[in-house]
Amino acid sequence: MSNLLIHLKEISKNAVMEAAHRRNPRMLASRAGLNEDEIEALISRDYPRIMTLAGLADSRYATNLTIKLPVS
């Protein structure tokens, strides 16, 4: 599973991480081990790019979890 997908899942289920993401998404993403492309896609809310980078665009990973990016 991609680091980006793991990171998004953690943000979506952990209120402390969601709050940290709201304060400084770049720092949190960097600490999670995301690369610069993943960080930029996340910050810019480029959903097609996020899906591709997370491995969901080509159905490499199946999930029944709805990933909702927190509101900035």
PDB file of N, CA and C in Angstrom:
ATOM      1  N   MET A   1       0.852  -1.171   0.000  1.00  0.00           N
ATOM      2  CA  MET A   1       0.000   0.000   0.000  1.00  0.00           C
ATOM      3  C   MET A   1       0.898   1.235   0.000  1.00  0.00           C
ATOM      4  N   SER A   2       0.510   2.251  -0.738  1.00  0.00           N
ATOM      5  CA  SER A   2       1.337   3.451  -0.865  1.00  0.00           C
ATOM      6  C   SER A   2       1.355   4.260   0.434  1.00  0.00           C
ATOM      7  N   ASN A   3       2.456   4.978   0.646  1.00  0.00           N
ATOM      8  CA  ASN A   3       2.544   5.858   1.813  1.00  0.00           C
ATOM      9  C   ASN A   3       1.440   6.903   1.798  1.00  0.00           C
ATOM     10  N   LEU A   4       1.098   7.396   0.615  1.00  0.00           N
ATOM     11  CA  LEU A   4       0.053   8.412   0.508  1.00  0.00           C
ATOM     12  C   LEU A   4      -1.287   7.849   0.962  1.00  0.00           C
ATOM     13  N   LEU A   5      -1.622   6.656   0.529  1.00  0.00           N
ATOM     14  CA  LEU A   5      -2.892   6.048   0.923  1.00  0.00           C
ATOM     15  C   LEU A   5      -2.926   5.790   2.426  1.00  0.00           C
ATOM     16  N   ILE A   6      -1.841   5.295   2.968  1.00  0.00           N
ATOM     17  CA  ILE A   6      -1.752   5.077   4.415  1.00  0.00           C
ATOM     18  C   ILE A   6      -1.937   6.397   5.147  1.00  0.00           C
ATOM     19  N   HIS A   7      -1.283   7.441   4.677  1.00  0.00           N
ATOM     20  CA  HIS A   7      -1.372   8.767   5.295  1.00  0.00           C
ATOM     21  C   HIS A   7      -2.809   9.291   5.263  1.00  0.00           C
ATOM     22  N   LEU A   8      -3.471   9.169   4.127  1.00  0.00           N
ATOM     23  CA  LEU A   8      -4.853   9.636   4.013  1.00  0.00           C
ATOM     24  C   LEU A   8      -5.781   8.862   4.942  1.00  0.00           C
ATOM     25  N   LYS A   9      -5.563   7.572   5.064  1.00  0.00           N
ATOM     26  CA  LYS A   9      -6.378   6.764   5.977  1.00  0.00           C
ATOM     27  C   LYS A   9      -6.168   7.205   7.417  1.00  0.00           C
ATOM     28  N   GLU A  10      -4.918   7.456   7.786  1.00  0.00           N
ATOM     29  CA  GLU A  10      -4.624   7.893   9.149  1.00  0.00           C
ATOM     30  C   GLU A  10      -5.276   9.241   9.454  1.00  0.00           C
ATOM     31  N   ILE A  11      -5.183  10.170   8.518  1.00  0.00           N
ATOM     32  CA  ILE A  11      -5.807  11.481   8.710  1.00  0.00           C
ATOM     33  C   ILE A  11      -7.315  11.332   8.866  1.00  0.00           C
ATOM     34  N   SER A  12      -7.914  10.451   8.086  1.00  0.00           N
ATOM     35  CA  SER A  12      -9.372  10.322   8.102  1.00  0.00           C
ATOM     36  C   SER A  12      -9.903   9.657   9.362  1.00  0.00           C
ATOM     37  N   LYS A  13      -9.075   8.905  10.079  1.00  0.00           N
ATOM     38  CA  LYS A  13      -9.578   8.213  11.265  1.00  0.00           C
ATOM     39  C   LYS A  13      -8.990   8.717  12.580  1.00  0.00           C
ATOM     40  N   ASN A  14      -8.096   9.698  12.526  1.00  0.00           N
ATOM     41  CA  ASN A  14      -7.424  10.174  13.727  1.00  0.00           C
ATOM     42  C   ASN A  14      -7.591  11.687  13.826  1.00  0.00           C
ATOM     43  N   ALA A  15      -8.372  12.134  14.803  1.00  0.00           N
ATOM     44  CA  ALA A  15      -8.678  13.561  14.945  1.00  0.00           C
ATOM     45  C   ALA A  15      -7.433  14.399  15.222  1.00  0.00           C
ATOM     46  N   VAL A  16      -6.485  13.856  15.956  1.00  0.00           N
ATOM     47  CA  VAL A  16      -5.253  14.592  16.254  1.00  0.00           C
ATOM     48  C   VAL A  16      -4.454  14.812  14.971  1.00  0.00           C
ATOM     49  N   MET A  17      -4.370  13.766  14.149  1.00  0.00           N
ATOM     50  CA  MET A  17      -3.655  13.910  12.876  1.00  0.00           C
ATOM     51  C   MET A  17      -4.393  14.850  11.934  1.00  0.00           C
ATOM     52  N   GLU A  18      -5.720  14.810  11.954  1.00  0.00           N
ATOM     53  CA  GLU A  18      -6.482  15.724  11.105  1.00  0.00           C
ATOM     54  C   GLU A  18      -6.207  17.170  11.512  1.00  0.00           C
ATOM     55  N   ALA A  19      -6.173  17.428  12.811  1.00  0.00           N
ATOM     56  CA  ALA A  19      -5.884  18.779  13.294  1.00  0.00           C
ATOM     57  C   ALA A  19      -4.467  19.198  12.903  1.00  0.00           C
ATOM     58  N   ALA A  20      -3.523  18.285  13.005  1.00  0.00           N
ATOM     59  CA  ALA A  20      -2.142  18.585  12.611  1.00  0.00           C
ATOM     60  C   ALA A  20      -2.068  18.869  11.115  1.00  0.00           C
ATOM     61  N   HIS A  21      -2.838  18.128  10.330  1.00  0.00           N
ATOM     62  CA  HIS A  21      -2.878  18.360   8.883  1.00  0.00           C
ATOM     63  C   HIS A  21      -3.432  19.749   8.583  1.00  0.00           C
ATOM     64  N   ARG A  22      -4.441  20.149   9.311  1.00  0.00           N
ATOM     65  CA  ARG A  22      -5.023  21.482   9.090  1.00  0.00           C
ATOM     66  C   ARG A  22      -4.007  22.579   9.407  1.00  0.00           C
ATOM     67  N   ARG A  23      -3.203  22.364  10.453  1.00  0.00           N
ATOM     68  CA  ARG A  23      -2.218  23.375  10.852  1.00  0.00           C
ATOM     69  C   ARG A  23      -1.038  23.443   9.888  1.00  0.00           C
ATOM     70  N   ASN A  24      -0.511  22.276   9.514  1.00  0.00           N
ATOM     71  CA  ASN A  24       0.694  22.261   8.684  1.00  0.00           C
ATOM     72  C   ASN A  24       0.742  20.970   7.862  1.00  0.00           C
ATOM     73  N   PRO A  25      -0.005  20.936   6.765  1.00  0.00           N
ATOM     74  CA  PRO A  25      -0.074  19.699   5.985  1.00  0.00           C
ATOM     75  C   PRO A  25       1.269  19.263   5.406  1.00  0.00           C
ATOM     76  N   ARG A  26       2.104  20.215   5.027  1.00  0.00           N
ATOM     77  CA  ARG A  26       3.405  19.868   4.445  1.00  0.00           C
ATOM     78  C   ARG A  26       4.292  19.155   5.469  1.00  0.00           C
ATOM     79  N   MET A  27       4.342  19.669   6.685  1.00  0.00           N
ATOM     80  CA  MET A  27       5.170  19.061   7.720  1.00  0.00           C
ATOM     81  C   MET A  27       4.675  17.649   8.044  1.00  0.00           C
ATOM     82  N   LEU A  28       3.362  17.499   8.212  1.00  0.00           N
ATOM     83  CA  LEU A  28       2.813  16.194   8.559  1.00  0.00           C
ATOM     84  C   LEU A  28       3.065  15.182   7.440  1.00  0.00           C
ATOM     85  N   ALA A  29       2.861  15.597   6.205  1.00  0.00           N
ATOM     86  CA  ALA A  29       3.076  14.707   5.061  1.00  0.00           C
ATOM     87  C   ALA A  29       4.548  14.321   4.940  1.00  0.00           C
ATOM     88  N   SER A  30       5.424  15.266   5.180  1.00  0.00           N
ATOM     89  CA  SER A  30       6.858  14.989   5.121  1.00  0.00           C
ATOM     90  C   SER A  30       7.256  13.985   6.198  1.00  0.00           C
ATOM     91  N   ARG A  31       6.733  14.172   7.394  1.00  0.00           N
ATOM     92  CA  ARG A  31       7.021  13.237   8.488  1.00  0.00           C
ATOM     93  C   ARG A  31       6.466  11.841   8.204  1.00  0.00           C
ATOM     94  N   ALA A  32       5.410  11.777   7.399  1.00  0.00           N
ATOM     95  CA  ALA A  32       4.813  10.484   7.044  1.00  0.00           C
ATOM     96  C   ALA A  32       5.598   9.788   5.934  1.00  0.00           C
ATOM     97  N   GLY A  33       6.606  10.467   5.402  1.00  0.00           N
ATOM     98  CA  GLY A  33       7.448   9.858   4.376  1.00  0.00           C
ATOM     99  C   GLY A  33       6.963  10.056   2.956  1.00  0.00           C
ATOM    100  N   LEU A  34       6.035  10.992   2.756  1.00  0.00           N
ATOM    101  CA  LEU A  34       5.545  11.258   1.406  1.00  0.00           C
ATOM    102  C   LEU A  34       6.616  11.987   0.606  1.00  0.00           C
ATOM    103  N   ASN A  35       6.666  11.705  -0.688  1.00  0.00           N
ATOM    104  CA  ASN A  35       7.623  12.405  -1.539  1.00  0.00           C
ATOM    105  C   ASN A  35       7.025  13.749  -1.975  1.00  0.00           C
ATOM    106  N   GLU A  36       7.831  14.559  -2.630  1.00  0.00           N
ATOM    107  CA  GLU A  36       7.402  15.918  -2.995  1.00  0.00           C
ATOM    108  C   GLU A  36       6.184  15.910  -3.918  1.00  0.00           C
ATOM    109  N   ASP A  37       6.114  14.982  -4.862  1.00  0.00           N
ATOM    110  CA  ASP A  37       4.946  14.892  -5.751  1.00  0.00           C
ATOM    111  C   ASP A  37       3.676  14.615  -4.952  1.00  0.00           C
ATOM    112  N   GLU A  38       3.764  13.688  -4.003  1.00  0.00           N
ATOM    113  CA  GLU A  38       2.607  13.349  -3.172  1.00  0.00           C
ATOM    114  C   GLU A  38       2.190  14.532  -2.304  1.00  0.00           C
ATOM    115  N   ILE A  39       3.168  15.219  -1.745  1.00  0.00           N
ATOM    116  CA  ILE A  39       2.873  16.372  -0.894  1.00  0.00           C
ATOM    117  C   ILE A  39       2.198  17.471  -1.699  1.00  0.00           C
ATOM    118  N   GLU A  40       2.729  17.775  -2.870  1.00  0.00           N
ATOM    119  CA  GLU A  40       2.141  18.829  -3.708  1.00  0.00           C
ATOM    120  C   GLU A  40       0.721  18.469  -4.143  1.00  0.00           C
ATOM    121  N   ALA A  41       0.492  17.216  -4.501  1.00  0.00           N
ATOM    122  CA  ALA A  41      -0.854  16.787  -4.894  1.00  0.00           C
ATOM    123  C   ALA A  41      -1.820  16.933  -3.726  1.00  0.00           C
ATOM    124  N   LEU A  42      -1.372  16.571  -2.540  1.00  0.00           N
ATOM    125  CA  LEU A  42      -2.211  16.663  -1.346  1.00  0.00           C
ATOM    126  C   LEU A  42      -2.544  18.112  -1.020  1.00  0.00           C
ATOM    127  N   ILE A  43      -1.544  18.968  -1.020  1.00  0.00           N
ATOM    128  CA  ILE A  43      -1.752  20.376  -0.673  1.00  0.00           C
ATOM    129  C   ILE A  43      -2.612  21.083  -1.711  1.00  0.00           C
ATOM    130  N   SER A  44      -2.415  20.758  -2.982  1.00  0.00           N
ATOM    131  CA  SER A  44      -3.187  21.416  -4.044  1.00  0.00           C
ATOM    132  C   SER A  44      -4.567  20.786  -4.245  1.00  0.00           C
ATOM    133  N   ARG A  45      -4.818  19.689  -3.543  1.00  0.00           N
ATOM    134  CA  ARG A  45      -6.097  18.964  -3.649  1.00  0.00           C
ATOM    135  C   ARG A  45      -6.378  18.513  -5.079  1.00  0.00           C
ATOM    136  N   ASP A  46      -5.336  18.060  -5.731  1.00  0.00           N
ATOM    137  CA  ASP A  46      -5.436  17.551  -7.102  1.00  0.00           C
ATOM    138  C   ASP A  46      -5.903  16.092  -7.022  1.00  0.00           C
ATOM    139  N   TYR A  47      -7.232  15.907  -6.973  1.00  0.00           N
ATOM    140  CA  TYR A  47      -7.798  14.584  -6.716  1.00  0.00           C
ATOM    141  C   TYR A  47      -7.385  13.518  -7.728  1.00  0.00           C
ATOM    142  N   PRO A  48      -7.405  13.803  -9.042  1.00  0.00           N
ATOM    143  CA  PRO A  48      -6.951  12.759  -9.982  1.00  0.00           C
ATOM    144  C   PRO A  48      -5.496  12.350  -9.730  1.00  0.00           C
ATOM    145  N   ARG A  49      -4.664  13.327  -9.426  1.00  0.00           N
ATOM    146  CA  ARG A  49      -3.252  13.035  -9.159  1.00  0.00           C
ATOM    147  C   ARG A  49      -3.094  12.261  -7.849  1.00  0.00           C
ATOM    148  N   ILE A  50      -3.878  12.643  -6.834  1.00  0.00           N
ATOM    149  CA  ILE A  50      -3.844  11.925  -5.558  1.00  0.00           C
ATOM    150  C   ILE A  50      -4.237  10.466  -5.779  1.00  0.00           C
ATOM    151  N   MET A  51      -5.301  10.250  -6.538  1.00  0.00           N
ATOM    152  CA  MET A  51      -5.762   8.889  -6.811  1.00  0.00           C
ATOM    153  C   MET A  51      -4.677   8.087  -7.531  1.00  0.00           C
ATOM    154  N   THR A  52      -4.027   8.709  -8.505  1.00  0.00           N
ATOM    155  CA  THR A  52      -2.963   8.024  -9.239  1.00  0.00           C
ATOM    156  C   THR A  52      -1.789   7.707  -8.321  1.00  0.00           C
ATOM    157  N   LEU A  53      -1.338   8.700  -7.559  1.00  0.00           N
ATOM    158  CA  LEU A  53      -0.187   8.509  -6.681  1.00  0.00           C
ATOM    159  C   LEU A  53      -0.478   7.528  -5.548  1.00  0.00           C
ATOM    160  N   ALA A  54      -1.737   7.469  -5.110  1.00  0.00           N
ATOM    161  CA  ALA A  54      -2.120   6.548  -4.034  1.00  0.00           C
ATOM    162  C   ALA A  54      -2.343   5.133  -4.552  1.00  0.00           C
ATOM    163  N   GLY A  55      -2.326   4.976  -5.875  1.00  0.00           N
ATOM    164  CA  GLY A  55      -2.511   3.657  -6.452  1.00  0.00           C
ATOM    165  C   GLY A  55      -3.957   3.271  -6.639  1.00  0.00           C
ATOM    166  N   LEU A  56      -4.855   4.232  -6.542  1.00  0.00           N
ATOM    167  CA  LEU A  56      -6.282   3.937  -6.660  1.00  0.00           C
ATOM    168  C   LEU A  56      -6.814   4.153  -8.068  1.00  0.00           C
ATOM    169  N   ALA A  57      -6.117   4.924  -8.877  1.00  0.00           N
ATOM    170  CA  ALA A  57      -6.608   5.233 -10.221  1.00  0.00           C
ATOM    171  C   ALA A  57      -6.621   4.001 -11.114  1.00  0.00           C
ATOM    172  N   ASP A  58      -5.672   3.108 -10.900  1.00  0.00           N
ATOM    173  CA  ASP A  58      -5.626   1.903 -11.728  1.00  0.00           C
ATOM    174  C   ASP A  58      -6.072   0.662 -10.959  1.00  0.00           C
ATOM    175  N   SER A  59      -6.741   0.877  -9.839  1.00  0.00           N
ATOM    176  CA  SER A  59      -7.303  -0.205  -9.014  1.00  0.00           C
ATOM    177  C   SER A  59      -6.253  -1.177  -8.491  1.00  0.00           C
ATOM    178  N   ARG A  60      -5.037  -0.689  -8.248  1.00  0.00           N
ATOM    179  CA  ARG A  60      -4.019  -1.571  -7.667  1.00  0.00           C
ATOM    180  C   ARG A  60      -4.401  -1.985  -6.254  1.00  0.00           C
ATOM    181  N   TYR A  61      -5.058  -1.084  -5.541  1.00  0.00           N
ATOM    182  CA  TYR A  61      -5.459  -1.380  -4.174  1.00  0.00           C
ATOM    183  C   TYR A  61      -6.970  -1.274  -4.076  1.00  0.00           C
ATOM    184  N   ALA A  62      -7.580  -2.278  -3.544  1.00  0.00           N
ATOM    185  CA  ALA A  62      -9.024  -2.233  -3.323  1.00  0.00           C
ATOM    186  C   ALA A  62      -9.258  -1.769  -1.892  1.00  0.00           C
ATOM    187  N   THR A  63     -10.207  -0.915  -1.708  1.00  0.00           N
ATOM    188  CA  THR A  63     -10.529  -0.440  -0.374  1.00  0.00           C
ATOM    189  C   THR A  63     -12.014  -0.154  -0.285  1.00  0.00           C
ATOM    190  N   ASN A  64     -12.567  -0.378   0.881  1.00  0.00           N
ATOM    191  CA  ASN A  64     -13.956  -0.010   1.101  1.00  0.00           C
ATOM    192  C   ASN A  64     -14.040   1.230   1.979  1.00  0.00           C
ATOM    193  N   LEU A  65     -12.917   1.896   2.158  1.00  0.00           N
ATOM    194  CA  LEU A  65     -12.847   3.106   2.957  1.00  0.00           C
ATOM    195  C   LEU A  65     -13.018   4.320   2.061  1.00  0.00           C
ATOM    196  N   THR A  66     -13.895   5.214   2.460  1.00  0.00           N
ATOM    197  CA  THR A  66     -14.044   6.468   1.735  1.00  0.00           C
ATOM    198  C   THR A  66     -13.021   7.443   2.291  1.00  0.00           C
ATOM    199  N   ILE A  67     -12.164   7.938   1.434  1.00  0.00           N
ATOM    200  CA  ILE A  67     -11.127   8.866   1.867  1.00  0.00           C
ATOM    201  C   ILE A  67     -11.595  10.272   1.570  1.00  0.00           C
ATOM    202  N   LYS A  68     -11.725  11.057   2.629  1.00  0.00           N
ATOM    203  CA  LYS A  68     -12.168  12.434   2.491  1.00  0.00           C
ATOM    204  C   LYS A  68     -11.052  13.317   3.019  1.00  0.00           C
ATOM    205  N   LEU A  69     -10.522  14.179   2.175  1.00  0.00           N
ATOM    206  CA  LEU A  69      -9.474  15.082   2.625  1.00  0.00           C
ATOM    207  C   LEU A  69     -10.074  16.106   3.566  1.00  0.00           C
ATOM    208  N   PRO A  70      -9.396  16.385   4.675  1.00  0.00           N
ATOM    209  CA  PRO A  70      -9.915  17.377   5.606  1.00  0.00           C
ATOM    210  C   PRO A  70      -9.931  18.767   4.983  1.00  0.00           C
ATOM    211  N   VAL A  71     -10.864  19.564   5.420  1.00  0.00           N
ATOM    212  CA  VAL A  71     -10.974  20.937   4.943  1.00  0.00           C
ATOM    213  C   VAL A  71      -9.837  21.737   5.546  1.00  0.00           C
ATOM    214  N   SER A  72      -9.171  22.522   4.737  1.00  0.00           N
ATOM    215  CA  SER A  72      -8.040  23.332   5.225  1.00  0.00           C
ATOM    216  C   SER A  72      -8.521  24.503   6.026  1.00  0.00           C
TER     217      SER A  72
END
